Amino acid sequence: MKDCFVVKYIMVIFNLYINMKIFKFYAEWCGPCKALTKQLDTMNLSVEVIPIDIENDDKDLTTKFKIRSVPTLVFVDDNENELERLTGSQSNSAIENIISKYA
């Protein structure tokens, strides 16, 4: 645990610490999307999750990230550069592993 703190401290000093957020692309009619939403709501995430309805919200982001299926989680940095992506149903550990890798 102490080593993790030291690494994060060094990353902050050298401006390597990434302020990650997650774009959650979904559709109202999508059953797996609803399940993922409930799953994310029960997780104690340290990052902001921004829901984007592919049919009613920002089409530019849907196009920019080439979303072809839902649900899709796109993990981005402050400048909205894609860091990682998960598509379909995912385990809590898969999501948490990506967050811990960057946040």
Protein backbone atom coordinates (compact mmCIF):
# COMPACT_ATOMS: atom_id res chain seq x y z
CA MET A 1 0.00 0.00 0.00
CA LYS A 2 2.84 2.37 0.85
CA ASP A 3 4.50 1.68 -2.52
CA CYS A 4 1.26 2.61 -4.32
CA PHE A 5 1.18 5.96 -2.50
CA VAL A 6 4.80 6.67 -3.41
CA VAL A 7 4.17 5.89 -7.09
CA LYS A 8 1.10 8.18 -7.18
CA TYR A 9 3.07 10.92 -5.41
CA ILE A 10 5.86 10.69 -7.99
CA MET A 11 3.28 10.72 -10.81
CA VAL A 12 1.73 13.91 -9.41
CA ILE A 13 5.13 15.58 -9.12
CA PHE A 14 5.97 14.77 -12.73
CA ASN A 15 2.44 15.58 -13.93
CA LEU A 16 1.85 11.98 -14.98
CA TYR A 17 -1.27 11.55 -12.90
CA ILE A 18 -4.24 11.17 -15.21
CA ASN A 19 -7.66 12.51 -14.30
CA MET A 20 -9.66 9.74 -15.90
CA LYS A 21 -13.35 9.65 -16.70
CA ILE A 22 -15.51 6.99 -18.29
CA PHE A 23 -17.89 7.53 -21.18
CA LYS A 24 -20.63 4.92 -20.88
CA PHE A 25 -22.25 4.50 -24.30
CA TYR A 26 -25.68 2.89 -24.07
CA ALA A 27 -29.16 2.72 -25.60
CA GLU A 28 -32.50 2.75 -23.77
CA TRP A 29 -33.63 -0.49 -25.44
CA CYS A 30 -30.43 -2.36 -24.51
CA GLY A 31 -30.84 -4.95 -21.74
CA PRO A 32 -27.09 -5.41 -21.08
CA CYS A 33 -26.77 -1.60 -20.89
CA LYS A 34 -29.36 -1.48 -18.10
CA ALA A 35 -27.55 -4.25 -16.23
CA LEU A 36 -24.22 -2.42 -16.59
CA THR A 37 -25.78 0.81 -15.32
CA LYS A 38 -27.01 -0.97 -12.18
CA GLN A 39 -23.60 -2.61 -11.77
CA LEU A 40 -21.74 0.71 -12.04
CA ASP A 41 -24.18 2.31 -9.58
CA THR A 42 -23.28 -0.31 -6.96
CA MET A 43 -19.53 0.08 -7.45
CA ASN A 44 -17.64 2.69 -5.45
CA LEU A 45 -15.80 4.18 -8.43
CA SER A 46 -13.18 6.89 -7.98
CA VAL A 47 -13.85 8.32 -11.45
CA GLU A 48 -16.75 10.11 -13.08
CA VAL A 49 -19.02 8.03 -15.32
CA ILE A 50 -20.67 10.06 -18.09
CA PRO A 51 -23.65 8.30 -19.70
CA ILE A 52 -24.09 8.87 -23.43
CA ASP A 53 -27.25 7.61 -25.14
CA ILE A 54 -26.11 6.71 -28.67
CA GLU A 55 -29.52 7.57 -30.12
CA ASN A 56 -30.30 10.82 -28.31
CA ASP A 57 -27.07 12.38 -27.03
CA ASP A 58 -23.85 13.69 -28.53
CA LYS A 59 -23.43 11.98 -31.92
CA ASP A 60 -19.97 13.54 -32.26
CA LEU A 61 -18.63 11.47 -29.36
CA THR A 62 -20.28 8.33 -30.71
CA THR A 63 -18.58 8.96 -34.05
CA LYS A 64 -15.25 10.04 -32.54
CA PHE A 65 -14.95 6.82 -30.55
CA LYS A 66 -16.36 4.66 -33.37
CA ILE A 67 -19.02 3.07 -31.18
CA ARG A 68 -20.43 0.04 -32.99
CA SER A 69 -22.11 -1.83 -30.15
CA VAL A 70 -23.47 -1.13 -26.69
CA PRO A 71 -22.76 -1.13 -23.89
CA THR A 72 -19.28 0.28 -24.38
CA LEU A 73 -17.15 1.90 -21.70
CA VAL A 74 -14.46 4.23 -23.02
CA PHE A 75 -11.88 5.30 -20.44
CA VAL A 76 -10.46 8.73 -21.36
CA ASP A 77 -7.99 11.27 -20.00
CA ASP A 78 -8.53 15.01 -19.47
CA ASN A 79 -8.23 15.69 -23.19
CA GLU A 80 -10.69 12.93 -24.08
CA ASN A 81 -7.95 10.72 -25.49
CA GLU A 82 -8.95 7.09 -25.29
CA LEU A 83 -6.94 5.09 -22.77
CA GLU A 84 -8.85 1.81 -22.82
CA ARG A 85 -12.20 0.38 -23.87
CA LEU A 86 -14.52 -2.38 -22.71
CA THR A 87 -17.48 -3.59 -24.76
CA GLY A 88 -20.34 -5.74 -23.52
CA SER A 89 -20.97 -7.05 -20.03
CA GLN A 90 -17.92 -6.77 -17.78
CA SER A 91 -16.88 -7.93 -14.34
CA ASN A 92 -16.26 -5.43 -11.56
CA SER A 93 -12.62 -6.48 -11.50
CA ALA A 94 -12.14 -5.76 -15.23
CA ILE A 95 -13.43 -2.22 -14.71
CA GLU A 96 -11.50 -1.68 -11.48
CA ASN A 97 -8.26 -2.97 -13.04
CA ILE A 98 -8.38 -0.34 -15.77
CA ILE A 99 -9.17 2.42 -13.28
CA SER A 100 -6.32 1.40 -10.98
CA LYS A 101 -3.96 1.34 -13.94
CA TYR A 102 -4.45 5.07 -14.63
CA ALA A 103 -6.08 6.74 -11.62
